[in-house]
Each structure stands twice: as C-alpha cells, then as structure tokens.
Amino acid sequence: MRNKIGKYDNKINALELKDRMLCLNTLILAEQGSGKTNLACKIRNFAIDSNVPTFYMDFSNSFEENIELRYKDSYFNYIQFSESEEFDKQLAELIKEKKHIYMAVSPEYFSNKKDERSKLSKTIANTDLLQNYYYFFHDIENLNGFYTKFEDFLLYMLGLMNMQKYGFTFLAQPHSIFENQNIKLLFSFLYLGRCSNLNYFNTSILKTLDKNRFYYQARTDSPTLLFNKIESNLVTVDEYIPDE
C-alpha cells in the first residue's frame, strides 16, 4: 500500500497516511507550484489502495486533454458538470459502479441568490457520494465569493463541520485572501475543530516554504471527552512518479 508519502522535519519516522484519513476532512491549501497536486495524488493513491472511491472536483473546469497525465491512470473517469439529464445519467452510472470520478465544473453554477441552493450544491451533497466517496475540491478561485456567489457552497462546508469529521491540514504559500484572519479561523474550525497554534496564522512563514514542503497539522485520535490535541510539524512530501 502506498501509505508512506514523505518525512517530518523533526521525527525519525516517515509521514504516513492512515485509515482514519479516509473518514476525516483534509485541507490542502497552497498556491500554484507549491506541490498541492503532488500531495493530492499521494492521498488519492492511498484511497485507491484502500478500495475507497474518490470524487475529484476541479473548479477550474479543465478540459480532459488539459488534465495532468499523472491523474490519467486506469481509475480515471472524466465528467464535466452541466445542468442536464445526460449529465445526471452519467454521474448516476459512475456512482452505481463506485467508479473514481474526476468532475470538471465551473463555480458559476453555484447560486448567487440568498436562500437558494444550486443544483451543483445539491449534486455534491448526494447521499451516496457523501457516505461512500472520498472528496477532493481543487482550485476554488475568487475566494472573496464565499460571502456572495458561493453562499450555498459555504453552507455546504458548514454542513461538513456539523458532521465533526475533523482531521488534517497541509498548508503552504497560501492565497493572499487567507491573510484575513477571520477566513483562517473559519477553515481552522472546519478542518481541525478548534483554533490551532499561531503558526497557522503566520502567512510570512508559510510563503517561504519550498515546493512539496507543508506546515502539517493533525488532530490526535486518542479517546477523550474533550477536544483532542492538535499536533503540528513541517513535512516534506515525496515527489509522485507514476508507473510507466
């Protein structure tokens, strides 16, 4: 199983993915060129090896020919979101067969009207997907839109918080919007369940990290009546080289 993905800065043991990652929220927040796609490939491979189907949403609405070759393995099934019966049938068939799904989608499909959920938001909240699939969200642009255009998506994310699937974050070279501490606080609660330590908010440190280096945080899984401790470390993720 491809569970060893890198190393810690100050630990001898390897950075490993474990089964609990498959049922918890994981955030990879980084700018282009920082290695987030490489890390996503590592996590996707672990899900595949664990027989968990993946649902990868590419919000840059990439055409199939423009998607990186390392995604196009034997598990790659491309579909482009549209508000049509044909799309509904294609997606339903893929879900029925528990296929790995790569869905290209434009954020324009999200609702910009208050108290109105879009078909896109309802689609990604499909019960069969939520219960059986490991989700990836990729390239959500114009993050200021969380307050307007992506209102129903934000409510969807808050719904994830109510599920209390708190887990992991990988942070590096964050988008400038995340210098807003209120936004950082929101994501800290969404993915970790409470505030993490101050390095989470130190954008100046995160921007200096080299490619494939991340500030990594994980909620411990010790049985407790209180919030579990958050462990933090700098990690280096190995470069993923697909099999020829």
Protein backbone atom coordinates (compact mmCIF):
# COMPACT_ATOMS: atom_id res chain seq x y z
CA MET A 1 0.00 0.00 0.00
CA ARG A 2 1.25 3.49 -0.91
CA ASN A 3 0.87 4.97 2.57
CA LYS A 4 4.36 6.40 3.17
CA ILE A 5 4.32 9.80 1.49
CA GLY A 6 7.20 11.78 2.98
CA LYS A 7 9.05 12.72 6.14
CA TYR A 8 8.84 15.01 9.16
CA ASP A 9 11.41 17.70 9.89
CA ASN A 10 11.99 16.63 13.49
CA LYS A 11 10.90 12.99 13.62
CA ILE A 12 12.71 9.84 12.51
CA ASN A 13 9.59 8.01 11.36
CA ALA A 14 8.05 8.55 7.93
CA LEU A 15 4.99 10.66 7.23
CA GLU A 16 2.29 8.02 6.72
CA LEU A 17 -1.35 8.10 5.67
CA LYS A 18 -3.63 6.02 7.86
CA ASP A 19 -7.15 4.67 7.50
CA ARG A 20 -8.63 7.42 9.68
CA MET A 21 -7.71 9.97 6.97
CA LEU A 22 -10.33 8.35 4.73
CA CYS A 23 -13.18 9.36 7.05
CA LEU A 24 -11.96 12.81 8.14
CA ASN A 25 -11.69 16.21 6.49
CA THR A 26 -8.31 17.09 4.99
CA LEU A 27 -7.34 20.54 3.74
CA ILE A 28 -4.50 21.21 1.27
CA LEU A 29 -4.18 24.98 1.00
CA ALA A 30 -1.39 26.28 -1.22
CA GLU A 31 -0.56 28.37 -4.25
CA GLN A 32 0.19 27.02 -7.71
CA GLY A 33 3.63 25.40 -7.90
CA SER A 34 3.79 24.53 -4.19
CA GLY A 35 3.15 20.81 -4.63
CA LYS A 36 -0.53 20.52 -3.70
CA THR A 37 -1.34 18.45 -6.81
CA ASN A 38 1.53 16.10 -5.97
CA LEU A 39 0.17 15.69 -2.43
CA ALA A 40 -3.38 15.16 -3.73
CA CYS A 41 -2.07 12.36 -5.96
CA LYS A 42 -0.48 10.69 -2.93
CA ILE A 43 -3.74 10.84 -0.97
CA ARG A 44 -5.74 9.65 -3.99
CA ASN A 45 -3.41 6.65 -4.43
CA PHE A 46 -3.90 5.75 -0.76
CA ALA A 47 -7.68 5.88 -1.19
CA ILE A 48 -7.47 3.70 -4.30
CA ASP A 49 -5.30 1.16 -2.48
CA SER A 50 -7.87 1.15 0.35
CA ASN A 51 -10.73 0.43 -2.10
CA VAL A 52 -12.39 3.77 -1.38
CA PRO A 53 -13.80 5.51 -4.49
CA THR A 54 -12.76 9.15 -4.97
CA PHE A 55 -14.74 12.15 -6.18
CA TYR A 56 -12.37 14.82 -7.51
CA MET A 57 -13.93 18.22 -8.29
CA ASP A 58 -11.85 20.51 -10.47
CA PHE A 59 -13.34 24.00 -10.12
CA SER A 60 -11.06 25.37 -12.84
CA ASN A 61 -13.35 23.43 -15.24
CA SER A 62 -10.43 21.75 -17.03
CA PHE A 63 -10.95 20.01 -20.34
CA GLU A 64 -9.88 16.36 -20.31
CA GLU A 65 -6.88 16.94 -22.59
CA ASN A 66 -5.51 19.61 -20.21
CA ILE A 67 -5.51 17.44 -17.07
CA GLU A 68 -2.13 16.28 -15.77
CA LEU A 69 -1.05 12.87 -17.04
CA ARG A 70 -0.45 11.51 -13.54
CA TYR A 71 -4.22 11.59 -12.95
CA LYS A 72 -4.98 9.68 -16.12
CA ASP A 73 -4.44 6.17 -14.83
CA SER A 74 -6.76 3.20 -15.16
CA TYR A 75 -9.03 4.67 -12.47
CA PHE A 76 -9.57 7.99 -14.26
CA ASN A 77 -13.19 8.71 -15.27
CA TYR A 78 -13.74 12.25 -16.56
CA ILE A 79 -17.10 14.02 -16.50
CA GLN A 80 -18.00 17.69 -16.95
CA PHE A 81 -20.80 19.12 -14.82
CA SER A 82 -23.86 20.52 -16.54
CA GLU A 83 -27.48 21.01 -15.56
CA SER A 84 -28.75 18.33 -17.92
CA GLU A 85 -30.38 14.92 -17.83
CA GLU A 86 -27.47 13.44 -19.77
CA PHE A 87 -25.04 14.51 -17.02
CA ASP A 88 -27.33 13.16 -14.31
CA LYS A 89 -27.41 9.76 -16.03
CA GLN A 90 -23.61 9.66 -16.50
CA LEU A 91 -22.96 10.56 -12.87
CA ALA A 92 -25.56 8.12 -11.53
CA GLU A 93 -23.98 5.28 -13.50
CA LEU A 94 -20.49 6.09 -12.22
CA ILE A 95 -21.74 6.24 -8.62
CA LYS A 96 -23.67 2.99 -9.02
CA GLU A 97 -20.48 1.24 -10.16
CA LYS A 98 -18.42 3.03 -7.46
CA LYS A 99 -16.03 4.36 -10.08
CA HIS A 100 -13.42 7.01 -9.32
CA ILE A 101 -14.78 10.31 -10.66
CA TYR A 102 -12.95 13.40 -11.93
CA MET A 103 -15.58 16.12 -12.35
CA ALA A 104 -14.70 19.39 -14.06
CA VAL A 105 -17.05 22.16 -13.01
CA SER A 106 -17.36 25.93 -13.29
CA PRO A 107 -18.04 27.78 -9.99
CA GLU A 108 -20.56 29.83 -12.00
CA TYR A 109 -23.03 27.02 -11.34
CA PHE A 110 -23.16 27.94 -7.65
CA SER A 111 -26.13 30.08 -6.65
CA ASN A 112 -25.71 33.81 -6.09
CA LYS A 113 -29.19 34.23 -4.65
CA LYS A 114 -29.82 34.22 -0.93
CA ASP A 115 -31.65 31.15 0.42
CA GLU A 116 -31.46 29.34 -2.93
CA ARG A 117 -29.34 26.23 -3.26
CA SER A 118 -27.90 25.48 -6.67
CA LYS A 119 -28.20 22.14 -8.43
CA LEU A 120 -24.41 21.87 -8.15
CA SER A 121 -24.52 22.18 -4.37
CA LYS A 122 -27.30 19.59 -4.20
CA THR A 123 -25.34 17.25 -6.51
CA ILE A 124 -22.17 17.23 -4.41
CA ALA A 125 -24.32 16.67 -1.31
CA ASN A 126 -25.68 13.44 -2.85
CA THR A 127 -26.08 10.92 -0.01
CA ASP A 128 -24.38 8.09 -1.92
CA LEU A 129 -21.38 10.33 -2.59
CA LEU A 130 -21.13 11.63 0.98
CA GLN A 131 -21.37 8.18 2.52
CA ASN A 132 -19.15 6.23 0.15
CA TYR A 133 -16.69 8.59 -1.57
CA TYR A 134 -13.53 10.47 -0.59
CA TYR A 135 -13.88 14.06 -1.80
CA PHE A 136 -11.32 16.36 -3.41
CA PHE A 137 -12.02 20.06 -4.08
CA HIS A 138 -9.46 21.65 -6.39
CA ASP A 139 -8.82 25.26 -7.47
CA ILE A 140 -11.64 27.23 -5.88
CA GLU A 141 -10.91 30.67 -7.32
CA ASN A 142 -12.12 34.11 -6.22
CA LEU A 143 -12.30 33.20 -2.55
CA ASN A 144 -13.96 36.52 -1.71
CA GLY A 145 -17.03 34.93 -3.28
CA PHE A 146 -17.58 32.91 -0.11
CA TYR A 147 -19.69 35.84 1.04
CA THR A 148 -21.77 36.18 -2.14
CA LYS A 149 -21.57 33.91 -5.21
CA PHE A 150 -20.59 30.77 -3.26
CA GLU A 151 -23.07 31.26 -0.43
CA ASP A 152 -24.67 27.85 -0.87
CA PHE A 153 -21.20 26.24 -1.08
CA LEU A 154 -20.22 27.87 2.20
CA LEU A 155 -23.38 26.50 3.81
CA TYR A 156 -22.42 23.08 2.43
CA MET A 157 -18.98 23.38 4.04
CA LEU A 158 -20.58 24.36 7.35
CA GLY A 159 -22.68 21.20 6.97
CA LEU A 160 -19.42 19.23 6.86
CA MET A 161 -18.42 20.91 10.12
CA ASN A 162 -21.63 19.62 11.73
CA MET A 163 -20.51 16.10 10.80
CA GLN A 164 -17.43 16.73 13.01
CA LYS A 165 -15.06 14.89 10.67
CA TYR A 166 -12.14 16.92 11.99
CA GLY A 167 -8.70 15.81 10.91
CA PHE A 168 -5.80 17.25 8.96
CA THR A 169 -4.41 20.27 7.18
CA PHE A 170 -1.44 20.76 4.86
CA LEU A 171 -0.62 24.46 4.47
CA ALA A 172 1.92 26.30 2.28
CA GLN A 173 2.17 29.55 0.32
CA PRO A 174 -1.47 30.50 0.95
CA HIS A 175 -3.53 32.76 -1.30
CA SER A 176 -3.47 36.41 -0.20
CA ILE A 177 -7.13 36.23 0.87
CA PHE A 178 -6.04 33.92 3.69
CA GLU A 179 -4.14 36.77 5.28
CA ASN A 180 -7.61 37.67 6.54
CA GLN A 181 -7.59 36.06 10.00
CA ASN A 182 -11.37 35.59 10.03
CA ILE A 183 -11.09 33.35 6.96
CA LYS A 184 -8.23 31.42 8.54
CA LEU A 185 -10.25 30.99 11.70
CA LEU A 186 -13.20 29.60 9.72
CA PHE A 187 -11.02 27.00 7.97
CA SER A 188 -9.30 26.09 11.24
CA PHE A 189 -12.69 25.23 12.72
CA LEU A 190 -13.86 23.42 9.58
CA TYR A 191 -10.88 21.12 9.37
CA LEU A 192 -9.48 20.90 12.90
CA GLY A 193 -12.49 21.62 15.10
CA ARG A 194 -10.86 24.43 17.03
CA CYS A 195 -8.11 27.03 16.77
CA SER A 196 -4.67 25.68 16.09
CA ASN A 197 -1.45 27.29 17.22
CA LEU A 198 -0.19 30.64 15.96
CA ASN A 199 1.92 29.23 13.11
CA TYR A 200 -1.34 28.52 11.28
CA PHE A 201 -1.83 32.28 11.05
CA ASN A 202 1.78 33.11 10.18
CA THR A 203 1.49 33.72 6.44
CA SER A 204 5.03 35.07 6.20
CA ILE A 205 6.48 31.70 7.25
CA LEU A 206 4.20 29.67 5.00
CA LYS A 207 5.13 31.73 1.94
CA THR A 208 8.81 30.82 2.32
CA LEU A 209 8.32 27.04 2.12
CA ASP A 210 9.86 25.26 -0.88
CA LYS A 211 7.89 23.03 -3.24
CA ASN A 212 6.43 19.90 -1.56
CA ARG A 213 7.02 21.33 1.93
CA PHE A 214 3.98 21.95 4.11
CA TYR A 215 3.02 23.03 7.59
CA TYR A 216 1.14 19.88 8.66
CA GLN A 217 -1.46 19.64 11.41
CA ALA A 218 -3.33 16.58 12.65
CA ARG A 219 -5.92 16.00 15.35
CA THR A 220 -4.78 13.12 17.53
CA ASP A 221 -7.16 10.16 17.76
CA SER A 222 -6.81 9.41 21.47
CA PRO A 223 -10.16 8.68 23.17
CA THR A 224 -11.13 11.77 25.16
CA LEU A 225 -14.17 13.66 26.39
CA LEU A 226 -12.54 16.93 25.32
CA PHE A 227 -11.09 18.13 22.01
CA ASN A 228 -8.09 16.05 21.02
CA LYS A 229 -4.73 17.72 20.86
CA ILE A 230 -3.54 19.21 17.56
CA GLU A 231 -0.03 18.12 16.57
CA SER A 232 1.93 20.34 14.18
CA ASN A 233 5.10 19.85 12.17
CA LEU A 234 6.87 20.83 8.97
CA VAL A 235 6.85 17.96 6.47
CA THR A 236 8.30 17.19 3.05
CA VAL A 237 6.13 15.17 0.66
CA ASP A 238 7.89 12.82 -1.79
CA GLU A 239 7.51 13.55 -5.50
CA TYR A 240 4.96 11.23 -7.11
CA ILE A 241 6.25 9.46 -10.21
CA PRO A 242 3.52 7.45 -11.98
CA ASP A 243 4.27 3.92 -13.09
CA GLU A 244 5.18 3.74 -16.75
